[in-house]
Amino acid sequence: MPVILVLEDDSATRNALVETLRKLFPQARVASARSDAAPGVVAVERANVVLASLPAVERLYREGAPPSVPVVALTREMSPDTLMRAEALGAAGALRTPSGADQLAAVLGPMLDGLPS
């Protein structure tokens, strides 16, 4: 079963994301934690995909998150500088927060395709 891990400090945002992801991807287990729990939680949860704020993405890569796990940066701003920053970190994608179901499905769907259910 694929695992989607949401790393977000704001509990309302985190809970909304988890609820939306569970509806979109019923074949996946959705786990969540505060962003300061990273990167150890990525291994503990056996995450296949991680959604995290841009500062958490920086921390994940700086502190040695598994390189095989795609990380999607969540950001309130989608300026070219922000997108270039996410790309330079090695993020697999970026989503504006809050993201709707269509955006989440478009970005995460291809990452979860082919993983065992």
PDB file of N, CA and C in Angstrom:
ATOM      1  N   MET A   1       0.845  -1.175   0.000  1.00  0.00           N
ATOM      2  CA  MET A   1       0.000   0.000   0.000  1.00  0.00           C
ATOM      3  C   MET A   1       0.893   1.241   0.000  1.00  0.00           C
ATOM      4  N   PRO A   2       0.710   2.134  -0.964  1.00  0.00           N
ATOM      5  CA  PRO A   2       1.504   3.368  -0.999  1.00  0.00           C
ATOM      6  C   PRO A   2       1.228   4.234   0.233  1.00  0.00           C
ATOM      7  N   VAL A   3       2.240   4.976   0.641  1.00  0.00           N
ATOM      8  CA  VAL A   3       2.107   5.864   1.798  1.00  0.00           C
ATOM      9  C   VAL A   3       2.418   7.295   1.365  1.00  0.00           C
ATOM     10  N   ILE A   4       1.468   8.184   1.635  1.00  0.00           N
ATOM     11  CA  ILE A   4       1.653   9.615   1.402  1.00  0.00           C
ATOM     12  C   ILE A   4       1.860  10.249   2.765  1.00  0.00           C
ATOM     13  N   LEU A   5       2.952  10.970   2.928  1.00  0.00           N
ATOM     14  CA  LEU A   5       3.255  11.636   4.192  1.00  0.00           C
ATOM     15  C   LEU A   5       3.105  13.140   4.027  1.00  0.00           C
ATOM     16  N   VAL A   6       2.309  13.754   4.891  1.00  0.00           N
ATOM     17  CA  VAL A   6       2.106  15.200   4.881  1.00  0.00           C
ATOM     18  C   VAL A   6       2.861  15.784   6.071  1.00  0.00           C
ATOM     19  N   LEU A   7       3.812  16.670   5.795  1.00  0.00           N
ATOM     20  CA  LEU A   7       4.549  17.371   6.845  1.00  0.00           C
ATOM     21  C   LEU A   7       4.108  18.829   6.824  1.00  0.00           C
ATOM     22  N   GLU A   8       3.333  19.213   7.815  1.00  0.00           N
ATOM     23  CA  GLU A   8       2.750  20.560   7.854  1.00  0.00           C
ATOM     24  C   GLU A   8       2.536  20.953   9.308  1.00  0.00           C
ATOM     25  N   ASP A   9       2.915  22.181   9.653  1.00  0.00           N
ATOM     26  CA  ASP A   9       2.780  22.644  11.030  1.00  0.00           C
ATOM     27  C   ASP A   9       1.371  23.093  11.378  1.00  0.00           C
ATOM     28  N   ASP A  10       0.684  23.715  10.442  1.00  0.00           N
ATOM     29  CA  ASP A  10      -0.662  24.207  10.712  1.00  0.00           C
ATOM     30  C   ASP A  10      -1.632  23.026  10.738  1.00  0.00           C
ATOM     31  N   SER A  11      -2.237  22.776  11.890  1.00  0.00           N
ATOM     32  CA  SER A  11      -3.083  21.586  12.033  1.00  0.00           C
ATOM     33  C   SER A  11      -4.312  21.617  11.134  1.00  0.00           C
ATOM     34  N   ALA A  12      -4.910  22.787  10.916  1.00  0.00           N
ATOM     35  CA  ALA A  12      -6.084  22.861  10.034  1.00  0.00           C
ATOM     36  C   ALA A  12      -5.699  22.521   8.599  1.00  0.00           C
ATOM     37  N   THR A  13      -4.586  23.054   8.124  1.00  0.00           N
ATOM     38  CA  THR A  13      -4.106  22.757   6.775  1.00  0.00           C
ATOM     39  C   THR A  13      -3.743  21.281   6.661  1.00  0.00           C
ATOM     40  N   ARG A  14      -3.038  20.772   7.660  1.00  0.00           N
ATOM     41  CA  ARG A  14      -2.622  19.362   7.660  1.00  0.00           C
ATOM     42  C   ARG A  14      -3.848  18.443   7.621  1.00  0.00           C
ATOM     43  N   ASN A  15      -4.842  18.716   8.461  1.00  0.00           N
ATOM     44  CA  ASN A  15      -6.038  17.878   8.512  1.00  0.00           C
ATOM     45  C   ASN A  15      -6.829  17.933   7.207  1.00  0.00           C
ATOM     46  N   ALA A  16      -6.929  19.123   6.613  1.00  0.00           N
ATOM     47  CA  ALA A  16      -7.637  19.260   5.338  1.00  0.00           C
ATOM     48  C   ALA A  16      -6.925  18.482   4.236  1.00  0.00           C
ATOM     49  N   LEU A  17      -5.607  18.578   4.197  1.00  0.00           N
ATOM     50  CA  LEU A  17      -4.838  17.831   3.196  1.00  0.00           C
ATOM     51  C   LEU A  17      -5.019  16.332   3.373  1.00  0.00           C
ATOM     52  N   VAL A  18      -4.926  15.870   4.594  1.00  0.00           N
ATOM     53  CA  VAL A  18      -5.064  14.440   4.869  1.00  0.00           C
ATOM     54  C   VAL A  18      -6.443  13.953   4.427  1.00  0.00           C
ATOM     55  N   GLU A  19      -7.481  14.691   4.768  1.00  0.00           N
ATOM     56  CA  GLU A  19      -8.839  14.300   4.387  1.00  0.00           C
ATOM     57  C   GLU A  19      -9.005  14.244   2.866  1.00  0.00           C
ATOM     58  N   THR A  20      -8.505  15.265   2.185  1.00  0.00           N
ATOM     59  CA  THR A  20      -8.605  15.299   0.722  1.00  0.00           C
ATOM     60  C   THR A  20      -7.817  14.153   0.094  1.00  0.00           C
ATOM     61  N   LEU A  21      -6.613  13.913   0.582  1.00  0.00           N
ATOM     62  CA  LEU A  21      -5.777  12.843   0.030  1.00  0.00           C
ATOM     63  C   LEU A  21      -6.395  11.468   0.246  1.00  0.00           C
ATOM     64  N   ARG A  22      -7.022  11.263   1.388  1.00  0.00           N
ATOM     65  CA  ARG A  22      -7.679   9.968   1.647  1.00  0.00           C
ATOM     66  C   ARG A  22      -8.827   9.727   0.686  1.00  0.00           C
ATOM     67  N   LYS A  23      -9.549  10.783   0.337  1.00  0.00           N
ATOM     68  CA  LYS A  23     -10.646  10.651  -0.626  1.00  0.00           C
ATOM     69  C   LYS A  23     -10.111  10.415  -2.033  1.00  0.00           C
ATOM     70  N   LEU A  24      -9.046  11.135  -2.395  1.00  0.00           N
ATOM     71  CA  LEU A  24      -8.475  11.017  -3.738  1.00  0.00           C
ATOM     72  C   LEU A  24      -7.770   9.686  -3.969  1.00  0.00           C
ATOM     73  N   PHE A  25      -7.088   9.205  -2.962  1.00  0.00           N
ATOM     74  CA  PHE A  25      -6.251   8.012  -3.101  1.00  0.00           C
ATOM     75  C   PHE A  25      -6.620   6.981  -2.030  1.00  0.00           C
ATOM     76  N   PRO A  26      -7.798   6.364  -2.157  1.00  0.00           N
ATOM     77  CA  PRO A  26      -8.230   5.398  -1.132  1.00  0.00           C
ATOM     78  C   PRO A  26      -7.322   4.167  -1.042  1.00  0.00           C
ATOM     79  N   GLN A  27      -6.534   3.935  -2.071  1.00  0.00           N
ATOM     80  CA  GLN A  27      -5.621   2.799  -2.070  1.00  0.00           C
ATOM     81  C   GLN A  27      -4.347   3.102  -1.287  1.00  0.00           C
ATOM     82  N   ALA A  28      -4.177   4.346  -0.825  1.00  0.00           N
ATOM     83  CA  ALA A  28      -2.966   4.754  -0.110  1.00  0.00           C
ATOM     84  C   ALA A  28      -3.267   4.986   1.364  1.00  0.00           C
ATOM     85  N   ARG A  29      -2.230   4.831   2.160  1.00  0.00           N
ATOM     86  CA  ARG A  29      -2.304   5.233   3.565  1.00  0.00           C
ATOM     87  C   ARG A  29      -1.747   6.646   3.641  1.00  0.00           C
ATOM     88  N   VAL A  30      -2.463   7.539   4.314  1.00  0.00           N
ATOM     89  CA  VAL A  30      -2.019   8.925   4.444  1.00  0.00           C
ATOM     90  C   VAL A  30      -1.615   9.152   5.892  1.00  0.00           C
ATOM     91  N   ALA A  31      -0.366   9.529   6.085  1.00  0.00           N
ATOM     92  CA  ALA A  31       0.160   9.821   7.417  1.00  0.00           C
ATOM     93  C   ALA A  31       0.498  11.304   7.479  1.00  0.00           C
ATOM     94  N   SER A  32       0.570  11.833   8.686  1.00  0.00           N
ATOM     95  CA  SER A  32       0.912  13.248   8.809  1.00  0.00           C
ATOM     96  C   SER A  32       1.714  13.491  10.080  1.00  0.00           C
ATOM     97  N   ALA A  33       2.465  14.578  10.056  1.00  0.00           N
ATOM     98  CA  ALA A  33       3.257  14.985  11.206  1.00  0.00           C
ATOM     99  C   ALA A  33       3.590  16.463  11.047  1.00  0.00           C
ATOM    100  N   ARG A  34       4.027  17.039  12.128  1.00  0.00           N
ATOM    101  CA  ARG A  34       4.528  18.418  12.047  1.00  0.00           C
ATOM    102  C   ARG A  34       5.821  18.397  11.232  1.00  0.00           C
ATOM    103  N   SER A  35       6.113  19.491  10.586  1.00  0.00           N
ATOM    104  CA  SER A  35       7.277  19.511   9.694  1.00  0.00           C
ATOM    105  C   SER A  35       8.596  19.352  10.437  1.00  0.00           C
ATOM    106  N   ASP A  36       8.636  19.652  11.724  1.00  0.00           N
ATOM    107  CA  ASP A  36       9.894  19.492  12.452  1.00  0.00           C
ATOM    108  C   ASP A  36      10.175  18.027  12.803  1.00  0.00           C
ATOM    109  N   ALA A  37       9.248  17.124  12.486  1.00  0.00           N
ATOM    110  CA  ALA A  37       9.471  15.698  12.716  1.00  0.00           C
ATOM    111  C   ALA A  37      10.357  15.083  11.647  1.00  0.00           C
ATOM    112  N   ALA A  38      10.590  15.779  10.582  1.00  0.00           N
ATOM    113  CA  ALA A  38      11.374  15.266   9.461  1.00  0.00           C
ATOM    114  C   ALA A  38      12.854  15.286   9.820  1.00  0.00           C
ATOM    115  N   PRO A  39      13.683  14.470   9.185  1.00  0.00           N
ATOM    116  CA  PRO A  39      13.424  13.486   8.155  1.00  0.00           C
ATOM    117  C   PRO A  39      13.169  12.071   8.683  1.00  0.00           C
ATOM    118  N   GLY A  40      13.370  11.842   9.974  1.00  0.00           N
ATOM    119  CA  GLY A  40      13.203  10.500  10.519  1.00  0.00           C
ATOM    120  C   GLY A  40      11.841   9.901  10.261  1.00  0.00           C
ATOM    121  N   VAL A  41      10.813  10.734  10.272  1.00  0.00           N
ATOM    122  CA  VAL A  41       9.453  10.236  10.069  1.00  0.00           C
ATOM    123  C   VAL A  41       9.256   9.671   8.663  1.00  0.00           C
ATOM    124  N   VAL A  42      10.024  10.131   7.696  1.00  0.00           N
ATOM    125  CA  VAL A  42       9.911   9.613   6.322  1.00  0.00           C
ATOM    126  C   VAL A  42      10.237   8.123   6.313  1.00  0.00           C
ATOM    127  N   ALA A  43      11.291   7.743   7.001  1.00  0.00           N
ATOM    128  CA  ALA A  43      11.681   6.333   7.067  1.00  0.00           C
ATOM    129  C   ALA A  43      10.726   5.536   7.942  1.00  0.00           C
ATOM    130  N   VAL A  44      10.339   6.093   9.073  1.00  0.00           N
ATOM    131  CA  VAL A  44       9.441   5.388   9.991  1.00  0.00           C
ATOM    132  C   VAL A  44       8.105   5.080   9.321  1.00  0.00           C
ATOM    133  N   GLU A  45       7.568   6.041   8.601  1.00  0.00           N
ATOM    134  CA  GLU A  45       6.272   5.862   7.939  1.00  0.00           C
ATOM    135  C   GLU A  45       6.396   5.086   6.622  1.00  0.00           C
ATOM    136  N   ARG A  46       7.632   4.871   6.166  1.00  0.00           N
ATOM    137  CA  ARG A  46       7.886   4.205   4.879  1.00  0.00           C
ATOM    138  C   ARG A  46       7.160   4.916   3.741  1.00  0.00           C
ATOM    139  N   ALA A  47       7.334   6.236   3.747  1.00  0.00           N
ATOM    140  CA  ALA A  47       6.639   7.087   2.783  1.00  0.00           C
ATOM    141  C   ALA A  47       7.110   6.830   1.354  1.00  0.00           C
ATOM    142  N   ASN A  48       6.144   6.839   0.438  1.00  0.00           N
ATOM    143  CA  ASN A  48       6.446   6.770  -0.993  1.00  0.00           C
ATOM    144  C   ASN A  48       6.465   8.147  -1.617  1.00  0.00           C
ATOM    145  N   VAL A  49       5.722   9.080  -1.032  1.00  0.00           N
ATOM    146  CA  VAL A  49       5.647  10.472  -1.474  1.00  0.00           C
ATOM    147  C   VAL A  49       5.500  11.338  -0.235  1.00  0.00           C
ATOM    148  N   VAL A  50       6.178  12.482  -0.243  1.00  0.00           N
ATOM    149  CA  VAL A  50       6.088  13.420   0.875  1.00  0.00           C
ATOM    150  C   VAL A  50       5.605  14.764   0.358  1.00  0.00           C
ATOM    151  N   LEU A  51       4.654  15.360   1.070  1.00  0.00           N
ATOM    152  CA  LEU A  51       4.225  16.744   0.833  1.00  0.00           C
ATOM    153  C   LEU A  51       4.711  17.547   2.021  1.00  0.00           C
ATOM    154  N   ALA A  52       5.466  18.613   1.780  1.00  0.00           N
ATOM    155  CA  ALA A  52       6.039  19.377   2.890  1.00  0.00           C
ATOM    156  C   ALA A  52       6.207  20.835   2.505  1.00  0.00           C
ATOM    157  N   SER A  53       6.156  21.688   3.510  1.00  0.00           N
ATOM    158  CA  SER A  53       6.422  23.109   3.281  1.00  0.00           C
ATOM    159  C   SER A  53       7.849  23.265   2.750  1.00  0.00           C
ATOM    160  N   LEU A  54       8.099  24.365   2.078  1.00  0.00           N
ATOM    161  CA  LEU A  54       9.424  24.585   1.489  1.00  0.00           C
ATOM    162  C   LEU A  54      10.541  24.547   2.537  1.00  0.00           C
ATOM    163  N   PRO A  55      10.365  25.171   3.717  1.00  0.00           N
ATOM    164  CA  PRO A  55      11.415  25.036   4.737  1.00  0.00           C
ATOM    165  C   PRO A  55      11.626  23.588   5.179  1.00  0.00           C
ATOM    166  N   ALA A  56      10.543  22.817   5.242  1.00  0.00           N
ATOM    167  CA  ALA A  56      10.688  21.402   5.611  1.00  0.00           C
ATOM    168  C   ALA A  56      11.395  20.623   4.515  1.00  0.00           C
ATOM    169  N   VAL A  57      11.142  20.983   3.247  1.00  0.00           N
ATOM    170  CA  VAL A  57      11.848  20.335   2.137  1.00  0.00           C
ATOM    171  C   VAL A  57      13.343  20.598   2.268  1.00  0.00           C
ATOM    172  N   GLU A  58      13.704  21.834   2.577  1.00  0.00           N
ATOM    173  CA  GLU A  58      15.123  22.163   2.765  1.00  0.00           C
ATOM    174  C   GLU A  58      15.727  21.302   3.875  1.00  0.00           C
ATOM    175  N   ARG A  59      15.019  21.198   4.981  1.00  0.00           N
ATOM    176  CA  ARG A  59      15.502  20.407   6.114  1.00  0.00           C
ATOM    177  C   ARG A  59      15.614  18.922   5.733  1.00  0.00           C
ATOM    178  N   LEU A  60      14.630  18.397   5.004  1.00  0.00           N
ATOM    179  CA  LEU A  60      14.682  16.997   4.581  1.00  0.00           C
ATOM    180  C   LEU A  60      15.945  16.703   3.787  1.00  0.00           C
ATOM    181  N   TYR A  61      16.228  17.546   2.818  1.00  0.00           N
ATOM    182  CA  TYR A  61      17.392  17.296   1.973  1.00  0.00           C
ATOM    183  C   TYR A  61      18.702  17.573   2.716  1.00  0.00           C
ATOM    184  N   ARG A  62      18.696  18.554   3.593  1.00  0.00           N
ATOM    185  CA  ARG A  62      19.904  18.879   4.359  1.00  0.00           C
ATOM    186  C   ARG A  62      20.233  17.767   5.365  1.00  0.00           C
ATOM    187  N   GLU A  63      19.184  17.160   5.941  1.00  0.00           N
ATOM    188  CA  GLU A  63      19.398  16.173   6.992  1.00  0.00           C
ATOM    189  C   GLU A  63      19.346  14.729   6.484  1.00  0.00           C
ATOM    190  N   GLY A  64      19.295  14.561   5.176  1.00  0.00           N
ATOM    191  CA  GLY A  64      19.459  13.231   4.616  1.00  0.00           C
ATOM    192  C   GLY A  64      18.206  12.401   4.444  1.00  0.00           C
ATOM    193  N   ALA A  65      17.153  12.988   3.943  1.00  0.00           N
ATOM    194  CA  ALA A  65      15.959  12.211   3.621  1.00  0.00           C
ATOM    195  C   ALA A  65      16.301  11.208   2.530  1.00  0.00           C
ATOM    196  N   PRO A  66      15.613  10.072   2.496  1.00  0.00           N
ATOM    197  CA  PRO A  66      15.904   9.084   1.444  1.00  0.00           C
ATOM    198  C   PRO A  66      15.760   9.709   0.050  1.00  0.00           C
ATOM    199  N   PRO A  67      16.789   9.649  -0.759  1.00  0.00           N
ATOM    200  CA  PRO A  67      16.741  10.290  -2.084  1.00  0.00           C
ATOM    201  C   PRO A  67      15.737   9.658  -3.039  1.00  0.00           C
ATOM    202  N   SER A  68      15.312   8.435  -2.753  1.00  0.00           N
ATOM    203  CA  SER A  68      14.380   7.763  -3.655  1.00  0.00           C
ATOM    204  C   SER A  68      12.929   8.170  -3.421  1.00  0.00           C
ATOM    205  N   VAL A  69      12.667   8.954  -2.381  1.00  0.00           N
ATOM    206  CA  VAL A  69      11.304   9.364  -2.056  1.00  0.00           C
ATOM    207  C   VAL A  69      11.044  10.752  -2.643  1.00  0.00           C
ATOM    208  N   PRO A  70      10.094  10.862  -3.579  1.00  0.00           N
ATOM    209  CA  PRO A  70       9.786  12.182  -4.140  1.00  0.00           C
ATOM    210  C   PRO A  70       9.147  13.090  -3.093  1.00  0.00           C
ATOM    211  N   VAL A  71       9.613  14.322  -3.082  1.00  0.00           N
ATOM    212  CA  VAL A  71       9.105  15.321  -2.147  1.00  0.00           C
ATOM    213  C   VAL A  71       8.480  16.445  -2.951  1.00  0.00           C
ATOM    214  N   VAL A  72       7.253  16.804  -2.604  1.00  0.00           N
ATOM    215  CA  VAL A  72       6.530  17.894  -3.255  1.00  0.00           C
ATOM    216  C   VAL A  72       6.467  19.055  -2.273  1.00  0.00           C
ATOM    217  N   ALA A  73       6.944  20.203  -2.709  1.00  0.00           N
ATOM    218  CA  ALA A  73       6.962  21.393  -1.865  1.00  0.00           C
ATOM    219  C   ALA A  73       5.587  22.057  -1.852  1.00  0.00           C
ATOM    220  N   LEU A  74       5.132  22.397  -0.666  1.00  0.00           N
ATOM    221  CA  LEU A  74       3.893  23.150  -0.498  1.00  0.00           C
ATOM    222  C   LEU A  74       4.267  24.591  -0.191  1.00  0.00           C
ATOM    223  N   THR A  75       3.713  25.524  -0.946  1.00  0.00           N
ATOM    224  CA  THR A  75       4.064  26.922  -0.755  1.00  0.00           C
ATOM    225  C   THR A  75       2.856  27.814  -0.996  1.00  0.00           C
ATOM    226  N   ARG A  76       2.797  28.906  -0.288  1.00  0.00           N
ATOM    227  CA  ARG A  76       1.703  29.862  -0.479  1.00  0.00           C
ATOM    228  C   ARG A  76       1.966  30.747  -1.695  1.00  0.00           C
ATOM    229  N   GLU A  77       3.211  30.799  -2.114  1.00  0.00           N
ATOM    230  CA  GLU A  77       3.605  31.669  -3.221  1.00  0.00           C
ATOM    231  C   GLU A  77       4.213  30.828  -4.336  1.00  0.00           C
ATOM    232  N   MET A  78       3.792  31.077  -5.571  1.00  0.00           N
ATOM    233  CA  MET A  78       4.306  30.312  -6.707  1.00  0.00           C
ATOM    234  C   MET A  78       5.097  31.216  -7.655  1.00  0.00           C
ATOM    235  N   SER A  79       5.901  32.079  -7.090  1.00  0.00           N
ATOM    236  CA  SER A  79       6.715  32.963  -7.925  1.00  0.00           C
ATOM    237  C   SER A  79       7.810  32.148  -8.609  1.00  0.00           C
ATOM    238  N   PRO A  80       8.385  32.694  -9.677  1.00  0.00           N
ATOM    239  CA  PRO A  80       9.493  31.985 -10.324  1.00  0.00           C
ATOM    240  C   PRO A  80      10.641  31.691  -9.354  1.00  0.00           C
ATOM    241  N   ASP A  81      10.931  32.622  -8.440  1.00  0.00           N
ATOM    242  CA  ASP A  81      12.005  32.384  -7.472  1.00  0.00           C
ATOM    243  C   ASP A  81      11.697  31.204  -6.562  1.00  0.00           C
ATOM    244  N   THR A  82      10.448  31.112  -6.126  1.00  0.00           N
ATOM    245  CA  THR A  82      10.044  30.009  -5.259  1.00  0.00           C
ATOM    246  C   THR A  82      10.133  28.684  -6.002  1.00  0.00           C
ATOM    247  N   LEU A  83       9.661  28.664  -7.230  1.00  0.00           N
ATOM    248  CA  LEU A  83       9.722  27.434  -8.023  1.00  0.00           C
ATOM    249  C   LEU A  83      11.164  27.024  -8.304  1.00  0.00           C
ATOM    250  N   MET A  84      12.024  27.993  -8.591  1.00  0.00           N
ATOM    251  CA  MET A  84      13.441  27.688  -8.827  1.00  0.00           C
ATOM    252  C   MET A  84      14.100  27.178  -7.550  1.00  0.00           C
ATOM    253  N   ARG A  85      13.717  27.736  -6.410  1.00  0.00           N
ATOM    254  CA  ARG A  85      14.253  27.284  -5.119  1.00  0.00           C
ATOM    255  C   ARG A  85      13.859  25.821  -4.872  1.00  0.00           C
ATOM    256  N   ALA A  86      12.589  25.493  -5.111  1.00  0.00           N
ATOM    257  CA  ALA A  86      12.124  24.113  -4.933  1.00  0.00           C
ATOM    258  C   ALA A  86      12.859  23.170  -5.878  1.00  0.00           C
ATOM    259  N   GLU A  87      13.008  23.589  -7.124  1.00  0.00           N
ATOM    260  CA  GLU A  87      13.707  22.766  -8.107  1.00  0.00           C
ATOM    261  C   GLU A  87      15.169  22.570  -7.722  1.00  0.00           C
ATOM    262  N   ALA A  88      15.821  23.636  -7.260  1.00  0.00           N
ATOM    263  CA  ALA A  88      17.232  23.546  -6.867  1.00  0.00           C
ATOM    264  C   ALA A  88      17.425  22.588  -5.692  1.00  0.00           C
ATOM    265  N   LEU A  89      16.433  22.504  -4.829  1.00  0.00           N
ATOM    266  CA  LEU A  89      16.507  21.581  -3.694  1.00  0.00           C
ATOM    267  C   LEU A  89      16.355  20.128  -4.132  1.00  0.00           C
ATOM    268  N   GLY A  90      15.742  19.922  -5.296  1.00  0.00           N
ATOM    269  CA  GLY A  90      15.500  18.578  -5.777  1.00  0.00           C
ATOM    270  C   GLY A  90      14.065  18.122  -5.607  1.00  0.00           C
ATOM    271  N   ALA A  91      13.171  19.066  -5.265  1.00  0.00           N
ATOM    272  CA  ALA A  91      11.760  18.713  -5.103  1.00  0.00           C
ATOM    273  C   ALA A  91      11.200  18.163  -6.412  1.00  0.00           C
ATOM    274  N   ALA A  92      10.329  17.176  -6.302  1.00  0.00           N
ATOM    275  CA  ALA A  92       9.720  16.556  -7.475  1.00  0.00           C
ATOM    276  C   ALA A  92       8.603  17.401  -8.052  1.00  0.00           C
ATOM    277  N   GLY A  93       8.177  18.407  -7.322  1.00  0.00           N
ATOM    278  CA  GLY A  93       7.100  19.285  -7.770  1.00  0.00           C
ATOM    279  C   GLY A  93       6.806  20.322  -6.710  1.00  0.00           C
ATOM    280  N   ALA A  94       5.878  21.208  -7.036  1.00  0.00           N
ATOM    281  CA  ALA A  94       5.467  22.245  -6.087  1.00  0.00           C
ATOM    282  C   ALA A  94       3.968  22.460  -6.245  1.00  0.00           C
ATOM    283  N   LEU A  95       3.321  22.689  -5.133  1.00  0.00           N
ATOM    284  CA  LEU A  95       1.889  22.964  -5.117  1.00  0.00           C
ATOM    285  C   LEU A  95       1.622  24.190  -4.259  1.00  0.00           C
ATOM    286  N   ARG A  96       0.683  24.996  -4.733  1.00  0.00           N
ATOM    287  CA  ARG A  96       0.257  26.145  -3.933  1.00  0.00           C
ATOM    288  C   ARG A  96      -0.629  25.637  -2.801  1.00  0.00           C
ATOM    289  N   THR A  97      -0.443  26.238  -1.628  1.00  0.00           N
ATOM    290  CA  THR A  97      -1.284  25.923  -0.486  1.00  0.00           C
ATOM    291  C   THR A  97      -2.292  27.039  -0.314  1.00  0.00           C
ATOM    292  N   PRO A  98      -3.563  26.785  -0.195  1.00  0.00           N
ATOM    293  CA  PRO A  98      -4.165  25.457  -0.226  1.00  0.00           C
ATOM    294  C   PRO A  98      -4.312  24.954  -1.659  1.00  0.00           C
ATOM    295  N   SER A  99      -4.216  23.658  -1.808  1.00  0.00           N
ATOM    296  CA  SER A  99      -4.371  23.024  -3.122  1.00  0.00           C
ATOM    297  C   SER A  99      -5.698  22.303  -3.180  1.00  0.00           C
ATOM    298  N   GLY A 100      -6.332  22.384  -4.333  1.00  0.00           N
ATOM    299  CA  GLY A 100      -7.573  21.662  -4.535  1.00  0.00           C
ATOM    300  C   GLY A 100      -7.307  20.226  -4.921  1.00  0.00           C
ATOM    301  N   ALA A 101      -8.356  19.447  -4.927  1.00  0.00           N
ATOM    302  CA  ALA A 101      -8.256  18.029  -5.250  1.00  0.00           C
ATOM    303  C   ALA A 101      -7.684  17.809  -6.649  1.00  0.00           C
ATOM    304  N   ASP A 102      -8.080  18.651  -7.611  1.00  0.00           N
ATOM    305  CA  ASP A 102      -7.584  18.484  -8.983  1.00  0.00           C
ATOM    306  C   ASP A 102      -6.071  18.639  -9.052  1.00  0.00           C
ATOM    307  N   GLN A 103      -5.546  19.652  -8.367  1.00  0.00           N
ATOM    308  CA  GLN A 103      -4.096  19.882  -8.379  1.00  0.00           C
ATOM    309  C   GLN A 103      -3.358  18.741  -7.682  1.00  0.00           C
ATOM    310  N   LEU A 104      -3.886  18.307  -6.544  1.00  0.00           N
ATOM    311  CA  LEU A 104      -3.249  17.193  -5.828  1.00  0.00           C
ATOM    312  C   LEU A 104      -3.238  15.926  -6.678  1.00  0.00           C
ATOM    313  N   ALA A 105      -4.353  15.642  -7.331  1.00  0.00           N
ATOM    314  CA  ALA A 105      -4.432  14.449  -8.180  1.00  0.00           C
ATOM    315  C   ALA A 105      -3.465  14.540  -9.350  1.00  0.00           C
ATOM    316  N   ALA A 106      -3.361  15.724  -9.957  1.00  0.00           N
ATOM    317  CA  ALA A 106      -2.489  15.892 -11.120  1.00  0.00           C
ATOM    318  C   ALA A 106      -1.027  15.698 -10.766  1.00  0.00           C
ATOM    319  N   VAL A 107      -0.615  16.160  -9.601  1.00  0.00           N
ATOM    320  CA  VAL A 107       0.798  16.058  -9.207  1.00  0.00           C
ATOM    321  C   VAL A 107       1.109  14.691  -8.590  1.00  0.00           C
ATOM    322  N   LEU A 108       0.260  14.218  -7.696  1.00  0.00           N
ATOM    323  CA  LEU A 108       0.569  12.986  -6.970  1.00  0.00           C
ATOM    324  C   LEU A 108       0.178  11.711  -7.716  1.00  0.00           C
ATOM    325  N   GLY A 109      -0.858  11.789  -8.536  1.00  0.00           N
ATOM    326  CA  GLY A 109      -1.320  10.613  -9.262  1.00  0.00           C
ATOM    327  C   GLY A 109      -0.213   9.889 -10.005  1.00  0.00           C
ATOM    328  N   PRO A 110       0.545  10.595 -10.843  1.00  0.00           N
ATOM    329  CA  PRO A 110       1.634   9.917 -11.579  1.00  0.00           C
ATOM    330  C   PRO A 110       2.721   9.334 -10.650  1.00  0.00           C
ATOM    331  N   MET A 111       2.914   9.963  -9.500  1.00  0.00           N
ATOM    332  CA  MET A 111       3.926   9.459  -8.570  1.00  0.00           C
ATOM    333  C   MET A 111       3.487   8.167  -7.889  1.00  0.00           C
ATOM    334  N   LEU A 112       2.165   8.006  -7.757  1.00  0.00           N
ATOM    335  CA  LEU A 112       1.643   6.816  -7.090  1.00  0.00           C
ATOM    336  C   LEU A 112       1.314   5.695  -8.060  1.00  0.00           C
ATOM    337  N   ASP A 113       1.165   6.025  -9.347  1.00  0.00           N
ATOM    338  CA  ASP A 113       0.885   4.994 -10.348  1.00  0.00           C
ATOM    339  C   ASP A 113       1.994   3.964 -10.365  1.00  0.00           C
ATOM    340  N   GLY A 114       1.601   2.724 -10.430  1.00  0.00           N
ATOM    341  CA  GLY A 114       2.581   1.657 -10.512  1.00  0.00           C
ATOM    342  C   GLY A 114       3.048   1.135  -9.166  1.00  0.00           C
ATOM    343  N   LEU A 115       2.700   1.846  -8.074  1.00  0.00           N
ATOM    344  CA  LEU A 115       3.063   1.338  -6.754  1.00  0.00           C
ATOM    345  C   LEU A 115       2.028   0.296  -6.345  1.00  0.00           C
ATOM    346  N   PRO A 116       2.451  -0.749  -5.638  1.00  0.00           N
ATOM    347  CA  PRO A 116       1.491  -1.771  -5.229  1.00  0.00           C
ATOM    348  C   PRO A 116       0.432  -1.192  -4.299  1.00  0.00           C
ATOM    349  N   SER A 117      -0.809  -1.610  -4.504  1.00  0.00           N
ATOM    350  CA  SER A 117      -1.915  -1.122  -3.662  1.00  0.00           C
ATOM    351  C   SER A 117      -2.029  -1.911  -2.387  1.00  0.00           C
TER     352      SER A 117
END
